[in-house]
Amino acid sequence: MRAVTYDAYSKDNSRLRVGEVPEPRLGPGQVLVKVRAAGVNPVDWKVMAGGLDPMMAAVFPVIPGWDVAGEVTAVGPDTREFAVGHEVIAYARKDVVNAGTFAEYVAVSADAVARKPASLGWEQAGGLPLAGLTALRSLDRLQVGAGDTVVVYAASGGVGGVAVQIARYRGARVIGTASERNHDYVRSLGGEPVAYGDGLAERILALAPDGVHAVADFVGGQLDTTLAVLGKGGRHVSVADPSVREHGGQWIWVRPDGAALAEVAGLVESGAVGVEIAGTYSLDEVGAAFDASRSGRTRGKLIIVP
């Protein structure tokens, strides 16, 4: 099968290659998925740069990619949850960095898999798993509900956009940070946009003078602002800054979870959540997709279509 690989860590795209590799072996409790679309996440190029090496071993050559939407083409022994032909989605992170989703096929633990929302096309479905799970897990940790005022950093990004929608579905008021050009988009999701940059805390407090109930940080580097805008008893989480734990916050590391992903899929089917596509790329264009992701200026999700 064709796949993207790299044979050593690199902070640029110089080690990326596209070529033939063996099709994945299918083990017990796994499904083999023909990849129709795979979302690009910042963690993909951060892993390629060695950013997770202290936490996860890499077996080279590595196929990058953790998101997938596709069709089940085979099931392993004792895998009764899915059948050949099922359309599925998964956050397909493994215990080691090796056999990812930027390929024509990927083997995934059935525990990480959920049925694809019928209302989504392949590209949108491919961008849902990690963003959806991260948003859901973060808002669950924050116990966001009706009447809360929540700040979402990077509200126009892949994770932030989903978080805005879920928080609004739960009845919360959402203040979302975004560049000026994405303010209308944040409004379309139900959020109240504020611009990045100096004076961010003051702009948030102008909208919520008594402070906010919760902050969801999906970008990092905002701890001072977070502490300045939280009201009494406020909660905060970050997926990018572990130091929040030293200031009463929670750091989120998202695990593959098919049941939680099915919950996200249900929100999509109900019409509460949609997925914005920023651009699609072939396997040969993964380097360009990584460059777009590194820019930090994308609205929604970048998608690889094998």
Protein backbone atom coordinates (compact mmCIF):
# COMPACT_ATOMS: atom_id res chain seq x y z
CA MET A 1 0.00 0.00 0.00
CA ARG A 2 1.05 3.64 -0.41
CA ALA A 3 1.86 5.57 2.73
CA VAL A 4 3.70 8.63 4.02
CA THR A 5 6.73 7.77 6.16
CA TYR A 6 9.69 9.38 7.89
CA ASP A 7 12.79 7.46 9.00
CA ALA A 8 14.09 9.83 11.68
CA TYR A 9 12.89 12.77 13.74
CA SER A 10 12.93 16.12 11.96
CA LYS A 11 11.67 19.64 12.71
CA ASP A 12 10.98 20.23 9.02
CA ASN A 13 9.56 18.08 6.22
CA SER A 14 12.90 16.85 4.89
CA ARG A 15 12.44 13.25 6.10
CA LEU A 16 8.92 12.79 4.67
CA ARG A 17 8.61 10.20 1.90
CA VAL A 18 5.72 8.61 0.02
CA GLY A 19 6.02 5.04 -1.22
CA GLU A 20 4.99 1.41 -0.91
CA VAL A 21 4.99 -0.23 2.52
CA PRO A 22 3.54 -3.56 3.74
CA GLU A 23 -0.17 -3.60 4.51
CA PRO A 24 -0.82 -3.66 8.30
CA ARG A 25 -1.14 -6.97 10.09
CA LEU A 26 -4.55 -7.45 11.69
CA GLY A 27 -4.50 -8.62 15.29
CA PRO A 28 -7.16 -9.78 17.76
CA GLY A 29 -9.62 -7.07 18.70
CA GLN A 30 -8.69 -4.92 15.70
CA VAL A 31 -10.32 -3.77 12.50
CA LEU A 32 -8.59 -3.03 9.21
CA VAL A 33 -9.79 0.27 7.78
CA LYS A 34 -9.48 1.45 4.21
CA VAL A 35 -8.64 5.12 4.76
CA ARG A 36 -10.98 7.56 3.03
CA ALA A 37 -9.81 10.64 4.91
CA ALA A 38 -7.39 11.42 7.76
CA GLY A 39 -7.30 14.63 9.74
CA VAL A 40 -4.06 16.55 10.28
CA ASN A 41 -3.40 17.67 13.86
CA PRO A 42 -0.53 19.78 15.23
CA VAL A 43 0.56 16.76 17.24
CA ASP A 44 1.46 15.00 13.97
CA TRP A 45 4.35 17.31 13.09
CA LYS A 46 5.25 17.79 16.74
CA VAL A 47 5.67 14.02 17.04
CA MET A 48 7.80 14.06 13.88
CA ALA A 49 10.04 16.63 15.58
CA GLY A 50 10.53 14.28 18.55
CA GLY A 51 8.23 16.21 20.86
CA LEU A 52 6.72 13.09 22.41
CA ASP A 53 9.91 11.04 22.55
CA PRO A 54 10.11 11.25 26.39
CA MET A 55 6.60 9.72 26.55
CA MET A 56 6.28 7.41 23.55
CA ALA A 57 8.80 5.22 21.75
CA ALA A 58 9.06 5.53 17.97
CA VAL A 59 9.60 2.58 15.66
CA PHE A 60 11.01 3.86 12.38
CA PRO A 61 9.96 4.21 9.67
CA VAL A 62 6.92 5.99 11.10
CA ILE A 63 3.63 6.49 9.28
CA PRO A 64 2.19 9.72 10.77
CA GLY A 65 -1.47 10.47 11.45
CA TRP A 66 -3.89 9.68 14.30
CA ASP A 67 -7.32 10.54 12.80
CA VAL A 68 -9.16 8.32 10.34
CA ALA A 69 -12.49 7.87 8.58
CA GLY A 70 -12.96 4.88 6.32
CA GLU A 71 -14.49 1.50 5.60
CA VAL A 72 -13.85 -1.70 7.52
CA THR A 73 -12.32 -4.24 5.13
CA ALA A 74 -11.45 -6.99 7.64
CA VAL A 75 -11.92 -7.77 11.33
CA GLY A 76 -9.53 -9.60 13.63
CA PRO A 77 -10.30 -12.60 15.84
CA ASP A 78 -12.93 -11.95 18.53
CA THR A 79 -13.91 -8.58 17.03
CA ARG A 80 -17.71 -8.62 17.07
CA GLU A 81 -18.36 -4.89 17.32
CA PHE A 82 -17.84 -4.19 13.62
CA ALA A 83 -18.23 -5.94 10.30
CA VAL A 84 -16.78 -5.63 6.82
CA GLY A 85 -18.40 -2.70 5.06
CA HIS A 86 -19.09 -0.60 8.15
CA GLU A 87 -18.22 3.08 7.74
CA VAL A 88 -16.24 4.13 10.81
CA ILE A 89 -14.15 6.84 12.44
CA ALA A 90 -11.35 6.49 14.99
CA TYR A 91 -8.73 8.30 16.98
CA ALA A 92 -6.13 5.71 16.04
CA ARG A 93 -3.18 6.57 18.30
CA LYS A 94 -1.13 3.52 19.22
CA ASP A 95 1.03 2.87 22.31
CA VAL A 96 4.11 3.45 20.15
CA VAL A 97 4.65 5.91 17.29
CA ASN A 98 4.67 3.81 14.14
CA ALA A 99 1.66 2.75 12.03
CA GLY A 100 -0.48 5.85 11.55
CA THR A 101 -3.31 6.88 9.27
CA PHE A 102 -1.60 8.77 6.40
CA ALA A 103 -1.80 5.61 4.35
CA GLU A 104 -4.23 3.58 2.29
CA TYR A 105 -4.99 1.21 5.19
CA VAL A 106 -4.63 1.24 8.97
CA ALA A 107 -5.28 -1.36 11.67
CA VAL A 108 -7.09 0.06 14.71
CA SER A 109 -8.24 -1.37 18.04
CA ALA A 110 -12.01 -1.82 17.98
CA ASP A 111 -12.15 -0.03 21.35
CA ALA A 112 -11.12 3.19 19.60
CA VAL A 113 -13.66 2.95 16.76
CA ALA A 114 -17.16 4.40 16.32
CA ARG A 115 -19.62 4.41 13.45
CA LYS A 116 -19.27 7.36 11.09
CA PRO A 117 -22.08 9.92 11.35
CA ALA A 118 -24.20 9.39 8.24
CA SER A 119 -24.63 13.16 7.89
CA LEU A 120 -20.91 13.75 7.37
CA GLY A 121 -18.91 13.26 4.20
CA TRP A 122 -15.61 11.46 4.38
CA GLU A 123 -13.48 14.60 4.67
CA GLN A 124 -15.51 16.06 7.52
CA ALA A 125 -15.61 12.69 9.28
CA GLY A 126 -11.83 12.36 8.96
CA GLY A 127 -11.38 15.63 10.82
CA LEU A 128 -13.70 14.76 13.71
CA PRO A 129 -12.07 12.17 16.01
CA LEU A 130 -9.22 13.88 17.87
CA ALA A 131 -10.82 17.34 17.73
CA GLY A 132 -14.15 16.00 18.91
CA LEU A 133 -12.70 13.90 21.73
CA THR A 134 -10.45 16.74 22.91
CA ALA A 135 -13.33 19.20 22.98
CA LEU A 136 -15.67 16.77 24.73
CA ARG A 137 -13.12 15.65 27.32
CA SER A 138 -12.14 19.25 28.09
CA LEU A 139 -15.71 20.45 28.57
CA ASP A 140 -16.54 17.39 30.67
CA ARG A 141 -13.58 18.13 32.95
CA LEU A 142 -14.76 21.73 33.22
CA GLN A 143 -18.31 20.54 34.01
CA VAL A 144 -19.65 23.07 31.52
CA GLY A 145 -23.41 23.46 31.64
CA ALA A 146 -26.30 25.86 31.23
CA GLY A 147 -25.61 29.34 32.59
CA ASP A 148 -21.82 29.06 32.50
CA THR A 149 -19.65 31.59 30.69
CA VAL A 150 -16.73 29.82 29.03
CA VAL A 151 -13.64 31.16 27.28
CA VAL A 152 -12.35 29.02 24.41
CA TYR A 153 -8.86 29.84 23.14
CA ALA A 154 -8.36 29.25 19.39
CA ALA A 155 -12.11 29.14 18.86
CA SER A 156 -11.79 29.02 15.06
CA GLY A 157 -9.39 26.07 15.07
CA GLY A 158 -10.26 22.41 14.66
CA VAL A 159 -10.66 21.66 18.37
CA GLY A 160 -11.86 25.10 19.41
CA GLY A 161 -14.61 25.20 16.83
CA VAL A 162 -16.05 21.92 18.05
CA ALA A 163 -15.74 23.04 21.69
CA VAL A 164 -17.69 26.23 20.98
CA GLN A 165 -20.50 24.19 19.45
CA ILE A 166 -20.67 21.61 22.25
CA ALA A 167 -20.58 24.30 24.94
CA ARG A 168 -23.40 26.20 23.23
CA TYR A 169 -25.39 22.97 22.92
CA ARG A 170 -25.06 22.57 26.69
CA GLY A 171 -26.45 26.05 27.23
CA ALA A 172 -23.24 27.91 28.03
CA ARG A 173 -22.24 31.36 26.85
CA VAL A 174 -18.97 31.17 24.90
CA ILE A 175 -16.32 33.86 24.43
CA GLY A 176 -13.86 32.69 21.79
CA THR A 177 -10.45 34.05 20.84
CA ALA A 178 -9.73 34.30 17.13
CA SER A 179 -8.04 36.52 14.56
CA GLU A 180 -10.21 39.33 13.19
CA ARG A 181 -10.74 37.54 9.89
CA ASN A 182 -12.38 34.62 11.72
CA HIS A 183 -14.73 36.60 13.96
CA ASP A 184 -17.75 36.04 11.72
CA TYR A 185 -17.01 32.32 11.72
CA VAL A 186 -16.91 32.23 15.54
CA ARG A 187 -20.24 34.09 15.59
CA SER A 188 -21.69 31.50 13.20
CA LEU A 189 -20.79 28.80 15.76
CA GLY A 190 -22.61 30.71 18.50
CA GLY A 191 -19.59 32.31 20.15
CA GLU A 192 -18.69 35.91 20.97
CA PRO A 193 -15.30 36.61 19.34
CA VAL A 194 -12.43 38.55 20.86
CA ALA A 195 -9.09 39.31 19.18
CA TYR A 196 -5.77 37.83 20.25
CA GLY A 197 -2.90 39.99 21.42
CA ASP A 198 -2.06 42.51 24.10
CA GLY A 199 -5.02 43.41 26.29
CA LEU A 200 -6.82 40.10 25.80
CA ALA A 201 -7.76 39.79 29.47
CA GLU A 202 -9.25 43.30 29.43
CA ARG A 203 -11.30 42.51 26.34
CA ILE A 204 -12.67 39.35 27.92
CA LEU A 205 -13.50 41.12 31.18
CA ALA A 206 -15.29 43.84 29.23
CA LEU A 207 -17.70 41.10 28.12
CA ALA A 208 -17.78 39.33 31.52
CA PRO A 209 -16.98 41.91 34.23
CA ASP A 210 -17.38 39.42 37.09
CA GLY A 211 -15.05 36.93 35.44
CA VAL A 212 -15.83 33.68 33.66
CA HIS A 213 -16.72 30.26 35.02
CA ALA A 214 -14.32 28.24 32.88
CA VAL A 215 -11.46 28.48 30.37
CA ALA A 216 -10.56 25.85 27.77
CA ASP A 217 -7.03 26.41 26.45
CA PHE A 218 -6.32 24.73 23.11
CA VAL A 219 -3.24 26.76 22.16
CA GLY A 220 -0.95 27.30 25.19
CA GLY A 221 0.88 30.39 26.38
CA GLN A 222 -2.23 31.99 27.88
CA LEU A 223 -1.95 31.13 31.57
CA ASP A 224 -1.64 34.73 32.78
CA THR A 225 -4.77 35.69 30.88
CA THR A 226 -6.60 32.63 32.20
CA LEU A 227 -5.84 33.47 35.82
CA ALA A 228 -6.83 37.10 35.25
CA VAL A 229 -10.27 36.35 33.79
CA LEU A 230 -11.42 33.48 35.99
CA GLY A 231 -14.12 34.38 38.47
CA LYS A 232 -14.32 33.00 41.99
CA GLY A 233 -14.33 29.21 41.86
CA GLY A 234 -13.48 29.24 38.14
CA ARG A 235 -12.12 26.11 36.44
CA HIS A 236 -9.54 25.80 33.68
CA VAL A 237 -8.01 23.10 31.49
CA SER A 238 -5.26 23.07 28.88
CA VAL A 239 -4.22 20.55 26.25
CA ALA A 240 -0.98 22.45 25.58
CA ASP A 241 0.41 23.64 28.93
CA PRO A 242 1.04 21.10 31.72
CA SER A 243 2.02 23.94 34.07
CA VAL A 244 -1.67 24.75 34.60
CA ARG A 245 -1.67 21.96 37.18
CA GLU A 246 0.47 24.18 39.40
CA HIS A 247 -2.25 26.85 39.31
CA GLY A 248 -5.37 24.82 40.05
CA GLY A 249 -6.02 23.74 36.47
CA GLN A 250 -6.11 20.40 34.69
CA TRP A 251 -3.92 19.22 31.82
CA ILE A 252 -5.76 17.06 29.28
CA TRP A 253 -4.15 14.10 27.49
CA VAL A 254 -6.81 12.49 25.31
CA ARG A 255 -7.02 8.70 25.08
CA PRO A 256 -8.62 6.74 22.22
CA ASP A 257 -12.18 6.00 23.32
CA GLY A 258 -14.75 4.59 20.95
CA ALA A 259 -17.66 5.10 23.36
CA ALA A 260 -16.85 8.80 23.82
CA LEU A 261 -16.32 9.16 20.08
CA ALA A 262 -19.78 7.67 19.53
CA GLU A 263 -21.11 10.41 21.85
CA VAL A 264 -19.44 13.04 19.66
CA ALA A 265 -20.91 11.35 16.58
CA GLY A 266 -24.34 11.58 18.20
CA LEU A 267 -23.92 15.33 18.65
CA VAL A 268 -23.10 15.56 14.94
CA GLU A 269 -26.18 13.55 14.01
CA SER A 270 -28.36 15.78 16.19
CA GLY A 271 -27.16 18.82 14.26
CA ALA A 272 -25.37 20.33 17.27
CA VAL A 273 -21.86 19.93 15.85
CA GLY A 274 -20.38 20.37 12.39
CA VAL A 275 -16.83 20.16 11.04
CA GLU A 276 -15.21 22.98 9.06
CA ILE A 277 -12.70 21.93 6.40
CA ALA A 278 -9.75 24.26 5.84
CA GLY A 279 -8.19 22.27 2.99
CA THR A 280 -7.62 18.81 1.56
CA TYR A 281 -4.29 17.27 0.51
CA SER A 282 -3.09 14.06 -1.12
CA LEU A 283 -0.47 11.78 0.42
CA ASP A 284 2.12 13.51 -1.76
CA GLU A 285 1.12 16.86 -0.24
CA VAL A 286 1.45 16.01 3.47
CA GLY A 287 4.43 18.38 3.77
CA ALA A 288 2.26 21.27 2.56
CA ALA A 289 -0.46 20.27 5.02
CA PHE A 290 2.09 20.27 7.86
CA ASP A 291 3.27 23.73 6.80
CA ALA A 292 -0.32 25.00 6.85
CA SER A 293 -0.83 23.51 10.31
CA ARG A 294 2.42 25.02 11.61
CA SER A 295 1.25 28.47 10.50
CA GLY A 296 -1.47 28.43 13.16
CA ARG A 297 -3.81 30.30 10.82
CA THR A 298 -6.10 27.55 9.60
CA ARG A 299 -9.85 27.72 10.21
CA GLY A 300 -11.14 24.25 10.89
CA LYS A 301 -9.45 21.01 9.85
CA LEU A 302 -6.81 20.04 7.31
CA ILE A 303 -7.50 16.67 5.69
CA ILE A 304 -5.40 14.03 3.94
CA VAL A 305 -7.20 12.03 1.25
CA PRO A 306 -5.13 9.00 0.11
